[in-house]
Protein backbone atom coordinates (compact mmCIF):
# COMPACT_ATOMS: atom_id res chain seq x y z
CA MET A 1 0.00 0.00 0.00
CA ARG A 2 1.32 3.42 -0.89
CA ARG A 3 1.88 5.64 2.16
CA ARG A 4 -0.26 8.71 2.25
CA SER A 5 0.99 12.09 2.95
CA PRO A 6 1.55 12.69 6.67
CA THR A 7 -0.90 15.54 6.36
CA GLY A 8 -3.69 13.15 5.40
CA ALA A 9 -6.75 13.10 7.60
CA GLY A 10 -6.49 9.45 8.76
CA SER A 11 -2.73 9.01 8.79
CA GLN A 12 -2.23 9.28 12.54
CA ALA A 13 -4.76 6.56 13.31
CA MET A 14 -3.41 4.20 10.64
CA GLU A 15 0.30 4.54 11.62
CA LYS A 16 0.00 4.61 15.40
CA GLY A 17 0.72 0.91 15.77
CA ALA A 18 3.42 0.89 13.10
CA GLY A 19 5.22 3.83 14.77
CA LYS A 20 5.95 1.80 17.86
CA HIS A 21 7.71 -0.90 15.85
CA GLN A 22 9.65 1.77 13.94
CA GLN A 23 10.84 3.40 17.17
CA ASN A 24 12.02 0.03 18.49
CA ARG A 25 14.00 -0.54 15.31
CA LEU A 26 15.54 2.93 15.55
CA CYS A 27 16.54 2.33 19.19
CA LEU A 28 18.12 -0.99 18.23
CA LEU A 29 20.09 0.62 15.42
CA ALA A 30 21.22 3.47 17.71
CA SER A 31 22.38 1.01 20.38
CA LEU A 32 24.31 -1.06 17.86
CA SER A 33 25.92 2.09 16.47
CA ALA A 34 26.89 3.32 19.94
CA PHE A 35 28.30 -0.10 20.84
CA PHE A 36 30.34 -0.11 17.60
CA TRP A 37 31.88 3.29 18.27
CA MET A 38 32.56 2.48 21.94
CA PHE A 39 34.35 -0.69 20.87
CA LEU A 40 36.34 1.24 18.27
CA LEU A 41 37.41 3.91 20.78
CA TYR A 42 38.28 1.24 23.36
CA PHE A 43 40.42 -0.62 20.83
CA HIS A 44 42.22 2.60 19.78
CA PHE A 45 43.01 4.08 23.19
CA VAL A 46 43.37 0.98 25.38
CA VAL A 47 44.60 -1.81 23.13
CA LEU A 48 46.69 0.27 20.74
CA GLY A 49 47.56 2.96 23.33
CA GLY A 50 49.47 0.51 25.50
CA SER A 51 49.39 -0.39 29.18
CA PRO A 52 48.18 1.87 31.99
CA VAL A 53 50.62 4.60 33.08
CA VAL A 54 52.81 3.77 36.07
CA TYR A 55 55.51 5.61 37.91
CA ASP A 56 58.64 4.63 39.76
CA SER A 57 59.00 5.97 43.27
CA PRO A 58 61.99 4.89 45.37
CA ASP A 59 61.43 3.93 48.97
CA LEU A 60 62.37 6.81 51.27
CA LYS A 61 64.66 4.58 53.30
CA SER A 62 66.85 3.44 50.44
CA VAL A 63 67.42 4.45 46.85
CA ASP A 64 68.15 0.81 46.02
CA SER A 65 64.84 -0.52 47.40
CA HIS A 66 62.10 -1.91 45.19
CA LYS A 67 59.97 0.73 43.50
CA LYS A 68 56.23 1.04 43.93
CA LEU A 69 53.83 1.17 41.02
CA SER A 70 50.75 3.33 41.01
CA LYS A 71 48.39 4.95 38.51
CA VAL A 72 49.33 8.53 37.76
CA SER A 73 45.78 9.65 37.16
CA ASP A 74 42.28 8.28 36.71
CA VAL A 75 41.99 10.59 33.71
CA SER A 76 42.74 9.04 30.33
CA ILE A 77 45.61 10.95 28.71
CA PRO A 78 45.62 10.84 24.91
CA ASN A 79 48.86 10.37 23.06
CA PRO A 80 50.49 13.77 22.40
CA VAL A 81 51.03 15.08 18.91
CA VAL A 82 54.68 14.48 18.04
CA THR A 83 56.48 17.16 16.08
CA SER A 84 60.06 17.43 14.96
CA PRO A 85 62.64 18.95 17.39
CA LEU A 86 63.10 21.82 14.96
CA GLU A 87 59.39 22.61 14.86
CA GLN A 88 59.11 22.30 18.65
CA GLY A 89 61.96 24.73 19.04
CA ARG A 90 60.19 27.20 16.78
CA ASN A 91 56.92 26.84 18.69
CA LEU A 92 58.36 27.22 22.20
CA GLY A 93 57.23 30.47 23.72
CA ARG A 94 55.16 31.38 20.62
CA LYS A 95 51.51 32.26 21.02
CA PRO A 96 49.21 29.57 19.55
CA ARG A 97 47.74 30.53 16.21
CA LYS A 98 44.06 31.36 16.34
CA ILE A 99 41.15 30.79 13.95
CA ILE A 100 37.77 32.47 13.86
CA ASN A 101 34.74 30.20 13.77
CA SER A 102 32.69 30.93 10.62
CA SER A 103 29.50 31.09 12.67
CA SER A 104 30.93 33.04 15.57
CA THR A 105 33.41 35.81 16.34
CA THR A 106 34.87 33.90 19.34
CA GLU A 107 38.57 33.19 18.94
CA LYS A 108 39.72 29.65 19.68
CA PRO A 109 43.30 28.39 19.96
CA LEU A 110 44.30 26.10 17.12
CA VAL A 111 46.61 24.07 19.36
CA LYS A 112 44.86 22.06 22.09
CA ALA A 113 46.54 21.55 25.45
CA ASP A 114 46.66 17.78 24.92
CA SER A 115 48.97 18.27 21.94
CA PHE A 116 51.87 19.40 24.14
CA PRO A 117 54.19 16.48 24.95
CA PHE A 118 54.70 17.64 28.55
CA MET A 119 51.01 17.35 29.47
CA ARG A 120 51.49 13.96 31.16
CA ALA A 121 53.94 15.58 33.56
CA LEU A 122 51.60 18.47 34.34
CA ARG A 123 48.67 16.12 34.92
CA THR A 124 50.44 14.10 37.60
CA VAL A 125 49.28 16.88 39.94
CA GLU A 126 45.66 15.82 39.35
CA ASN A 127 46.18 12.53 41.19
CA LYS A 128 45.65 13.69 44.77
CA SER A 129 46.69 10.31 46.15
CA ASP A 130 50.14 10.65 44.59
CA PRO A 131 52.51 12.55 46.92
CA CYS A 132 54.95 12.99 44.04
CA GLY A 133 52.47 14.56 41.63
CA GLY A 134 54.15 17.53 39.99
CA LYS A 135 57.47 16.79 41.70
CA TYR A 136 59.03 14.00 39.65
CA ILE A 137 62.65 14.37 38.59
CA TYR A 138 64.22 12.37 35.80
CA VAL A 139 68.01 12.00 36.01
CA HIS A 140 70.01 11.48 32.83
CA ASP A 141 72.26 8.43 32.92
CA LEU A 142 75.33 10.23 31.64
CA PRO A 143 78.48 8.41 30.56
CA SER A 144 80.90 8.25 33.50
CA ARG A 145 83.36 10.61 31.81
CA PHE A 146 81.01 13.45 32.75
CA ASN A 147 81.09 12.75 36.49
CA GLU A 148 82.46 9.68 38.28
CA ASP A 149 85.62 9.41 36.17
CA MET A 150 86.64 12.88 37.41
CA LEU A 151 86.58 11.64 41.01
CA LYS A 152 88.92 8.80 40.08
CA GLU A 153 91.41 11.48 39.00
CA CYS A 154 90.74 13.71 42.01
CA LYS A 155 94.34 14.92 42.26
CA SER A 156 93.87 16.81 39.00
CA LEU A 157 90.74 18.71 40.12
CA SER A 158 92.68 21.66 41.54
CA LEU A 159 96.10 23.10 40.92
CA TRP A 160 96.50 24.21 44.54
CA THR A 161 94.53 21.67 46.56
CA ASN A 162 94.48 17.88 46.69
CA MET A 163 90.75 17.41 46.28
CA CYS A 164 90.85 13.67 46.97
CA LYS A 165 90.13 14.07 50.68
CA PHE A 166 87.35 16.56 49.93
CA THR A 167 85.50 14.16 47.63
CA THR A 168 85.20 11.52 50.37
CA ASN A 169 81.98 10.97 52.34
CA ALA A 170 79.80 11.71 49.31
CA GLY A 171 81.54 15.05 48.79
CA LEU A 172 81.50 16.28 52.40
CA GLY A 173 85.19 15.66 53.05
CA PRO A 174 86.73 14.29 56.26
CA PRO A 175 84.87 14.65 59.58
CA LEU A 176 85.86 17.59 61.79
CA GLU A 177 87.12 16.91 65.28
CA ASN A 178 85.30 18.77 68.02
CA GLU A 179 88.12 19.28 70.49
CA GLU A 180 87.08 22.83 71.41
CA SER A 181 83.35 21.99 71.52
CA VAL A 182 82.66 24.54 68.80
CA PHE A 183 80.71 22.05 66.67
CA SER A 184 78.17 19.35 67.39
CA ASP A 185 79.51 15.85 67.94
CA THR A 186 78.09 14.66 64.61
CA GLY A 187 77.36 16.14 61.20
CA TRP A 188 80.43 18.39 60.82
CA TYR A 189 82.93 17.97 57.98
CA ALA A 190 85.89 19.80 56.43
CA THR A 191 83.87 20.58 53.29
CA ASN A 192 85.52 22.33 50.37
CA GLN A 193 83.64 25.41 49.19
CA PHE A 194 83.66 24.14 45.59
CA ALA A 195 82.26 20.66 46.30
CA VAL A 196 78.60 21.31 45.47
CA ASP A 197 78.82 19.33 42.20
CA VAL A 198 79.20 16.00 43.95
CA ILE A 199 77.17 16.90 47.07
CA PHE A 200 74.14 17.89 45.01
CA SER A 201 74.34 14.85 42.73
CA ASN A 202 74.53 12.50 45.71
CA ARG A 203 71.62 14.26 47.40
CA MET A 204 69.62 13.73 44.21
CA LYS A 205 70.04 9.98 44.66
CA GLN A 206 68.00 10.30 47.87
CA TYR A 207 65.27 12.43 46.28
CA GLU A 208 61.94 10.74 47.03
CA CYS A 209 60.30 11.50 43.66
CA LEU A 210 62.74 10.11 41.12
CA THR A 211 61.21 8.54 38.02
CA ASN A 212 62.46 6.38 35.18
CA ASP A 213 59.72 7.76 32.94
CA SER A 214 60.91 11.12 31.65
CA SER A 215 57.45 12.01 30.31
CA LEU A 216 56.27 12.37 33.92
CA ALA A 217 59.16 14.59 35.01
CA ALA A 218 58.58 18.10 36.30
CA ALA A 219 62.27 18.73 35.53
CA ILE A 220 65.27 16.81 34.22
CA PHE A 221 68.59 16.74 36.09
CA VAL A 222 71.92 16.55 34.28
CA PRO A 223 74.56 15.12 36.71
CA PHE A 224 77.52 16.75 34.98
CA TYR A 225 80.32 17.87 37.33
CA ALA A 226 80.76 21.16 35.49
CA GLY A 227 82.75 22.80 38.26
CA PHE A 228 85.18 19.92 38.62
CA ASP A 229 85.53 19.74 34.85
CA ILE A 230 86.67 23.33 34.34
CA ALA A 231 88.80 23.36 37.50
CA ARG A 232 91.08 20.77 35.89
CA TYR A 233 91.95 22.98 32.93
CA LEU A 234 91.84 26.61 34.04
CA TRP A 235 95.62 26.95 34.09
CA GLY A 236 97.92 25.96 31.24
CA TYR A 237 95.34 24.50 28.84
CA ASN A 238 94.07 25.84 25.53
CA ILE A 239 90.43 26.69 24.91
CA SER A 240 89.84 23.47 22.96
CA VAL A 241 90.63 21.40 26.03
CA ARG A 242 88.64 23.70 28.30
CA ASP A 243 85.55 23.49 26.07
CA ALA A 244 85.76 19.82 25.15
CA ALA A 245 83.56 18.27 27.87
CA SER A 246 80.93 21.02 27.62
CA LEU A 247 80.61 20.58 23.86
CA ASP A 248 80.54 16.81 24.25
CA LEU A 249 77.80 17.07 26.89
CA VAL A 250 75.59 19.31 24.76
CA ASP A 251 76.03 17.01 21.77
CA TRP A 252 75.02 14.01 23.92
CA LEU A 253 71.97 15.75 25.38
CA MET A 254 70.62 17.06 22.08
CA LYS A 255 70.49 13.52 20.69
CA ARG A 256 68.28 12.36 23.55
CA PRO A 257 64.48 12.22 23.09
CA GLU A 258 64.05 14.04 26.42
CA TRP A 259 65.74 17.11 24.96
CA SER A 260 63.29 17.46 22.08
CA ILE A 261 60.29 17.89 24.40
CA MET A 262 61.21 21.47 25.36
CA GLY A 263 64.54 22.05 23.67
CA GLY A 264 66.30 21.62 27.02
CA LYS A 265 64.26 24.27 28.85
CA ASP A 266 63.25 21.66 31.44
CA HIS A 267 66.88 20.59 32.07
CA PHE A 268 69.12 21.78 34.89
CA LEU A 269 72.63 21.12 36.13
CA VAL A 270 74.81 22.22 39.04
CA ALA A 271 78.31 23.69 39.16
CA GLY A 272 79.98 24.51 42.45
CA ARG A 273 81.97 27.44 41.09
CA ILE A 274 81.27 31.07 40.25
CA THR A 275 79.56 31.83 36.95
CA TRP A 276 82.57 33.65 35.50
CA ASP A 277 84.46 30.35 35.16
CA PHE A 278 81.90 29.35 32.52
CA ARG A 279 81.57 32.64 30.64
CA ARG A 280 84.64 33.04 28.47
CA LEU A 281 84.02 36.21 26.50
CA SER A 282 86.14 35.44 23.45
CA GLU A 283 88.03 32.73 21.59
CA SER A 284 91.34 34.17 22.75
CA GLU A 285 93.61 31.62 24.41
CA SER A 286 94.47 34.17 27.10
CA ASP A 287 90.83 34.65 28.12
CA TRP A 288 89.54 32.86 31.20
CA GLY A 289 87.39 29.76 31.60
CA ASN A 290 85.21 27.86 29.18
CA LYS A 291 82.12 28.95 27.24
CA LEU A 292 79.59 26.49 28.69
CA LEU A 293 77.07 29.18 29.65
CA PHE A 294 77.36 30.88 26.26
CA LEU A 295 76.55 27.73 24.26
CA PRO A 296 73.11 28.09 22.59
CA ALA A 297 71.86 24.81 24.04
CA ALA A 298 73.12 25.67 27.53
CA LYS A 299 71.25 28.96 27.40
CA ASN A 300 68.04 26.91 27.41
CA MET A 301 69.07 24.96 30.50
CA SER A 302 69.18 26.29 34.07
CA MET A 303 72.61 26.17 35.70
CA LEU A 304 72.85 26.43 39.48
CA VAL A 305 76.10 28.05 40.62
CA VAL A 306 77.39 29.45 43.90
CA GLU A 307 77.56 32.88 42.26
CA SER A 308 75.41 33.91 39.31
CA SER A 309 75.66 36.75 36.82
CA PRO A 310 73.33 39.72 37.44
CA TRP A 311 73.07 40.29 33.67
CA ASN A 312 72.21 36.79 32.44
CA ALA A 313 69.11 34.65 32.74
CA ASN A 314 70.42 31.08 32.52
CA ASP A 315 72.20 30.80 35.88
CA PHE A 316 70.89 30.89 39.44
CA GLY A 317 72.67 31.30 42.76
CA ILE A 318 72.60 28.52 45.36
CA PRO A 319 74.39 28.54 48.75
CA TYR A 320 78.03 27.66 49.18
CA PRO A 321 78.39 24.50 51.29
CA THR A 322 79.10 25.06 54.98
CA TYR A 323 80.75 22.62 57.41
CA PHE A 324 77.41 21.38 58.81
CA HIS A 325 75.64 18.45 57.11
CA PRO A 326 73.05 16.97 59.46
CA ALA A 327 71.54 13.56 58.91
CA LYS A 328 68.44 14.13 61.06
CA ASP A 329 66.07 16.97 61.88
CA ALA A 330 67.01 16.70 65.55
CA GLU A 331 70.60 17.68 64.79
CA VAL A 332 69.36 20.92 63.23
CA PHE A 333 66.98 21.74 66.08
CA ILE A 334 69.66 21.16 68.69
CA TRP A 335 72.09 23.40 66.81
CA GLN A 336 69.52 26.19 66.42
CA ASP A 337 68.70 26.14 70.12
CA ARG A 338 72.38 26.33 70.96
CA MET A 339 72.87 29.37 68.71
CA ARG A 340 69.96 31.14 70.43
CA LYS A 341 71.49 30.74 73.87
CA LEU A 342 75.04 31.84 73.08
CA GLU A 343 76.53 34.91 74.74
CA ARG A 344 77.90 37.20 72.02
CA LYS A 345 80.56 39.53 73.38
CA TRP A 346 81.59 41.09 70.04
CA LEU A 347 79.39 43.67 68.32
CA PHE A 348 80.88 42.78 64.92
CA SER A 349 83.63 40.68 63.40
CA PHE A 350 85.40 40.08 60.12
CA ALA A 351 87.39 37.17 58.72
CA GLY A 352 89.29 38.00 55.55
CA ALA A 353 92.36 39.44 53.85
CA PRO A 354 92.93 42.91 52.38
CA ARG A 355 92.97 43.50 48.64
CA PRO A 356 95.81 45.99 48.14
CA ASP A 357 95.85 45.34 44.37
CA ASN A 358 92.20 46.40 44.06
CA PRO A 359 91.77 50.15 44.64
CA LYS A 360 87.98 49.77 44.75
CA SER A 361 88.03 47.24 47.58
CA ILE A 362 86.80 48.45 50.98
CA ARG A 363 88.44 45.59 52.85
CA GLY A 364 91.32 47.76 53.98
CA GLN A 365 88.95 50.24 55.66
CA ILE A 366 86.96 47.39 57.24
CA ILE A 367 90.10 45.80 58.66
CA ASP A 368 91.20 49.17 60.05
CA GLN A 369 87.84 49.71 61.75
CA CYS A 370 87.96 46.22 63.29
CA ARG A 371 91.42 46.89 64.69
CA GLU A 372 90.46 50.27 66.12
CA SER A 373 87.20 49.15 67.74
CA LYS A 374 87.00 47.74 71.24
CA VAL A 375 83.89 45.79 70.24
CA GLY A 376 85.20 44.50 66.89
CA LYS A 377 86.96 41.20 66.27
CA LEU A 378 89.31 40.41 63.37
CA LEU A 379 90.69 37.18 61.88
CA GLU A 380 93.05 38.30 59.14
CA CYS A 381 93.64 35.81 56.35
CA ASP A 382 96.68 35.70 54.11
CA PHE A 383 99.40 33.36 52.96
CA GLY A 384 100.98 31.25 55.64
CA GLU A 385 99.64 30.00 58.96
CA SER A 386 96.44 31.69 60.03
CA LYS A 387 93.53 30.91 62.30
CA CYS A 388 91.39 32.19 59.46
CA HIS A 389 91.88 28.83 57.74
CA SER A 390 90.71 26.87 60.78
CA PRO A 391 86.98 26.02 60.70
CA SER A 392 86.99 25.89 64.48
CA SER A 393 88.50 29.39 64.82
CA ILE A 394 86.15 30.90 62.24
CA MET A 395 82.99 29.40 63.70
CA GLN A 396 84.03 30.29 67.23
CA MET A 397 84.42 33.95 66.26
CA PHE A 398 81.10 34.02 64.41
CA GLN A 399 79.33 32.40 67.35
CA GLY A 400 80.61 35.16 69.62
CA SER A 401 79.49 38.03 67.35
CA LEU A 402 76.20 39.84 66.90
CA PHE A 403 77.07 41.03 63.38
CA CYS A 404 79.44 39.56 60.79
CA LEU A 405 80.87 41.80 58.07
CA GLN A 406 80.63 40.36 54.56
CA PRO A 407 82.19 42.70 51.97
CA GLN A 408 82.88 41.51 48.43
CA GLY A 409 85.70 39.04 48.06
CA ASP A 410 87.46 38.57 44.75
CA SER A 411 83.97 38.30 43.29
CA TYR A 412 80.60 39.37 44.64
CA THR A 413 80.02 36.44 47.00
CA ARG A 414 81.74 34.65 49.86
CA ARG A 415 81.30 31.31 51.55
CA SER A 416 81.83 33.17 54.81
CA ALA A 417 78.33 34.67 54.58
CA PHE A 418 76.79 31.21 54.99
CA ASP A 419 79.24 30.14 57.70
CA SER A 420 78.31 33.25 59.69
CA MET A 421 74.55 32.73 59.35
CA LEU A 422 75.02 29.11 60.38
CA ALA A 423 76.51 30.54 63.59
CA GLY A 424 73.46 32.77 64.12
CA CYS A 425 75.42 35.90 63.29
CA ILE A 426 73.58 38.69 61.45
CA PRO A 427 75.37 39.37 58.15
CA VAL A 428 76.32 42.91 57.11
CA PHE A 429 76.53 43.30 53.33
CA PHE A 430 78.04 46.20 51.39
CA HIS A 431 77.00 45.23 47.85
CA PRO A 432 73.57 43.81 46.83
CA GLY A 433 75.32 41.31 44.57
CA SER A 434 76.81 39.58 47.61
CA ALA A 435 73.46 38.04 48.59
CA TYR A 436 70.28 39.98 47.76
CA THR A 437 70.31 39.46 43.99
CA GLN A 438 72.05 36.07 44.23
CA TYR A 439 70.15 33.75 46.54
CA THR A 440 66.57 34.80 45.86
CA TRP A 441 65.39 31.19 46.25
CA HIS A 442 66.88 30.81 49.72
CA LEU A 443 66.80 34.24 51.35
CA PRO A 444 63.83 36.58 52.04
CA LYS A 445 63.33 39.35 49.50
CA ASN A 446 62.94 41.73 52.43
CA PHE A 447 66.65 41.73 53.29
CA THR A 448 66.17 44.01 56.31
CA LYS A 449 64.59 41.08 58.17
CA TYR A 450 67.85 39.15 58.45
CA SER A 451 70.73 41.49 57.48
CA VAL A 452 72.15 44.99 57.50
CA PHE A 453 73.06 46.82 54.31
CA ILE A 454 75.74 49.51 54.32
CA PRO A 455 76.54 50.73 50.77
CA GLU A 456 80.20 50.45 49.83
CA ASP A 457 80.45 54.18 49.15
CA ASP A 458 79.48 54.89 52.76
CA ILE A 459 82.71 53.19 53.77
CA ARG A 460 84.86 54.14 50.78
CA LYS A 461 84.00 57.83 50.42
CA ARG A 462 82.19 58.91 53.55
CA ASN A 463 84.25 57.03 56.09
CA VAL A 464 81.12 55.93 57.94
CA SER A 465 81.73 54.20 61.27
CA ILE A 466 80.47 50.63 61.16
CA GLU A 467 80.39 50.52 64.95
CA GLU A 468 78.16 53.60 65.18
CA ARG A 469 75.82 52.34 62.43
CA LEU A 470 75.31 48.98 64.14
CA ASN A 471 74.87 50.53 67.59
CA GLN A 472 71.93 52.51 66.23
CA ILE A 473 69.91 49.28 65.85
CA PRO A 474 67.76 48.74 68.99
CA PRO A 475 68.62 45.60 71.00
CA GLU A 476 65.10 44.25 70.57
CA GLN A 477 65.42 44.58 66.81
CA VAL A 478 68.77 42.80 66.91
CA LYS A 479 67.13 39.92 68.76
CA ILE A 480 64.38 39.66 66.13
CA MET A 481 66.92 39.71 63.28
CA ARG A 482 69.07 37.06 64.92
CA GLU A 483 66.03 34.79 65.33
CA GLU A 484 65.27 35.26 61.63
CA VAL A 485 68.83 34.21 60.74
CA ILE A 486 68.64 31.14 62.97
CA ASN A 487 65.32 30.13 61.43
CA LEU A 488 66.92 30.32 57.97
CA ILE A 489 69.64 27.79 58.84
CA PRO A 490 67.88 24.65 57.49
CA THR A 491 67.41 26.16 54.01
CA LEU A 492 71.05 27.31 53.81
CA ILE A 493 72.76 23.98 54.54
CA TYR A 494 73.10 20.76 52.57
CA ALA A 495 72.01 17.69 54.53
CA ASP A 496 74.20 14.60 54.52
CA PRO A 497 73.82 13.14 50.99
CA ARG A 498 73.71 9.64 52.43
CA SER A 499 70.48 10.37 54.32
CA LYS A 500 67.52 12.73 54.22
CA LEU A 501 65.98 15.08 56.77
CA GLU A 502 62.54 14.00 57.97
CA THR A 503 60.52 17.23 57.73
CA LEU A 504 62.96 20.09 57.17
CA LYS A 505 63.78 21.40 53.70
CA ASP A 506 67.49 21.99 53.11
CA ALA A 507 69.26 24.02 50.40
CA PHE A 508 68.94 21.10 47.98
CA ASP A 509 65.19 20.79 48.51
CA VAL A 510 64.66 24.53 48.07
CA SER A 511 66.70 24.56 44.86
CA VAL A 512 64.92 21.59 43.29
CA GLN A 513 61.49 23.01 44.09
CA ALA A 514 62.49 26.36 42.61
CA VAL A 515 63.56 24.67 39.37
CA ILE A 516 60.29 22.73 39.25
CA ASN A 517 58.33 25.94 39.76
CA LYS A 518 60.28 27.62 36.97
CA VAL A 519 59.69 24.80 34.48
CA THR A 520 56.02 24.44 35.43
CA LYS A 521 55.43 28.15 34.93
CA LEU A 522 57.12 28.01 31.53
CA ARG A 523 54.96 25.06 30.47
CA ASN A 524 51.78 26.83 31.55
CA ASP A 525 52.88 29.97 29.73
CA ILE A 526 53.39 27.93 26.54
CA ILE A 527 49.93 26.38 26.86
CA GLU A 528 48.26 29.74 27.46
CA GLY A 529 50.29 31.42 24.74
CA ARG A 530 51.87 33.89 27.16
CA THR A 531 55.17 35.39 26.11
CA ASN A 532 57.45 37.95 27.67
CA ASP A 533 58.56 39.82 24.58
CA ASN A 534 59.71 42.80 26.64
CA PHE A 535 62.20 40.78 28.69
CA ILE A 536 65.62 42.46 28.84
CA GLU A 537 68.28 39.93 29.84
CA GLU A 538 70.71 42.58 31.05
CA ASN A 539 68.15 43.41 33.76
CA SER A 540 67.96 39.80 34.96
CA TRP A 541 68.79 40.74 38.54
CA LYS A 542 65.77 43.05 38.66
CA TYR A 543 63.33 40.38 37.50
CA GLU A 544 64.40 38.11 40.34
CA LEU A 545 63.35 40.79 42.84
CA LEU A 546 59.84 41.32 41.43
CA ASP A 547 56.81 40.44 43.52
CA GLU A 548 54.35 37.77 42.41
CA GLY A 549 52.44 38.90 39.35
CA GLN A 550 54.84 41.70 38.43
CA ARG A 551 56.38 41.58 34.96
CA GLU A 552 57.82 45.01 34.21
CA VAL A 553 61.03 46.42 35.67
CA GLY A 554 62.04 50.03 35.94
CA ALA A 555 64.63 52.17 37.68
CA HIS A 556 66.03 50.66 40.86
CA GLU A 557 68.04 52.09 43.73
CA TRP A 558 70.71 49.46 43.09
CA ASP A 559 71.26 50.40 39.45
CA PRO A 560 74.63 52.06 40.21
CA PHE A 561 75.91 48.78 41.64
CA PHE A 562 75.19 46.88 38.43
CA SER A 563 75.81 49.44 35.72
CA LYS A 564 77.95 47.80 33.05
CA PRO A 565 80.77 49.88 31.59
CA LYS A 566 80.78 50.80 27.92
CA ASP A 567 83.54 48.28 27.30
CA ALA A 568 81.60 45.11 26.51
CA SER A 569 84.44 42.93 27.73
CA ALA A 570 84.22 44.31 31.26
CA ASP A 571 81.78 43.61 34.06
CA SER A 572 81.05 46.29 36.65
CA GLY A 573 84.43 47.93 36.28
CA ASP A 574 86.40 44.70 36.18
CA SER A 575 86.49 41.95 33.60
CA SER A 576 84.92 38.64 34.56
CA ALA A 577 88.18 36.94 33.63
CA GLU A 578 90.12 39.03 36.16
CA VAL A 579 87.48 38.40 38.81
CA ALA A 580 87.72 34.66 38.28
CA LYS A 581 91.52 34.66 38.24
CA LYS A 582 91.62 36.57 41.52
CA SER A 583 89.24 34.08 43.12
CA TRP A 584 91.93 31.44 42.75
CA LYS A 585 94.05 33.31 45.26
CA ASN A 586 91.72 31.98 47.95
CA GLU A 587 92.55 28.45 46.90
CA GLN A 588 96.24 29.28 46.97
CA ARG A 589 95.88 30.61 50.52
CA ASP A 590 94.04 27.47 51.60
CA HIS A 591 96.78 25.36 50.05
CA HIS A 592 99.59 27.19 51.85
CA ALA A 593 97.72 27.17 55.15
CA SER A 594 97.01 23.44 55.16
């Protein structure tokens, strides 16, 4: 029978019964179609996509213990879109292209978040049951020539010092005897100030959120002993030898699949020397150091050094190692309580040598003021026998002082600043580059909470009395500042690399978290298409001082301290090469005193 038009008068009555059967058939077809597509999606994402995601998490008690397996997230993570390393490099930091929907004026990003290969790492945070979410570190398994082989040739690591004894005990050096009861009975070592390379790498072995899956990593650690490497060749070697390991390292890294994810912007390494040892300004054989930090690939990585450059963005300051390396929280608490109770008979003290060959140095004036003051204490360092080279003598003086003077050394920074704060002594700085623009991860931005700042020109030109300036600080304020310094102690020391503190965060923990924060912010910026086109690298020190949310920098009261001379080969009135060469005099003094 031919179907009538649906507008016919009797159509509804005639087709009422047939409509029910038709609806049933439609429902059956819809169910079969849905089942087919569900099966197809299941086959694509589950069968072809591989096994569920797992992570490796070492037991806290031992890095060699069996690793636990757990789901990263209950959310299904699609496979990322893979692009070539060249294309990824072009896209990093670039705003996503946008298209305009033909039926709407709303702009939509062309690139979806899931297309970024680092999304798996970012999404580990979503698993609330995973204590390592967003904290995983992947460690490159470098060939031994980049690290352990250097320790086997420890006698060649310094021209002036036999570093073999200082590389023992996981980089802490030999234990210190406590004959004068200056130290604690445990946790104190004769640690070399340039030993951070090996200390940091060994601490990383105890990190609780290591992973063997680099796609889950919040950051990637490169265990290259950069400081030890350059220390071998600073004197008497041509630039080819000095650059060889750095070039070899970069070549090795760039061939790794982990590098292509972000072009190395999620990588970091540690060097226990000042930045100027890695910033050779030319290809002249007479110029100082190697060019590691000027290599294009290295500019993408973050390099943690004991002194960073105020004008460059790829290095970050971390504390010099002190003599104290506790294995337990209790050792730190006991030490802090002891520093609170000490009687401090000296208003201020200074341990250091004059710099007669540097007309801009204020050390001569500081030494004179210490000698002339009845409330000042001086340990003068120079070649030959000196109590200044005795850890016991230095710490004893710092423990008996309210304020410890920390002028520039051969470069901006000094290990002494951290030794003095470990003793609960309030540091007095004369240049912002000695601490305030260096250790922004570890020290409060409000420097008045824990230190005193006396501009160098106040001493050099105005002959200001340090004693009078410090006496103007009310005793109650001194007490508050000293408590602030003592509270900072855990974040300024490196715990024993063979153990881990229970609840306290040490300098290692603070540094790793800061790197993770940096990489995470960069990844989120890439996803959101945020760029910082107005960034001026020469003002790097200013950006580190900005408050949360600030992006623009302007004039700063410390500009005169960091104004670069017109001569491009010079840094703040003195070439970086000369600064680095002079720093070796400290190692010569240590050698002659031992």
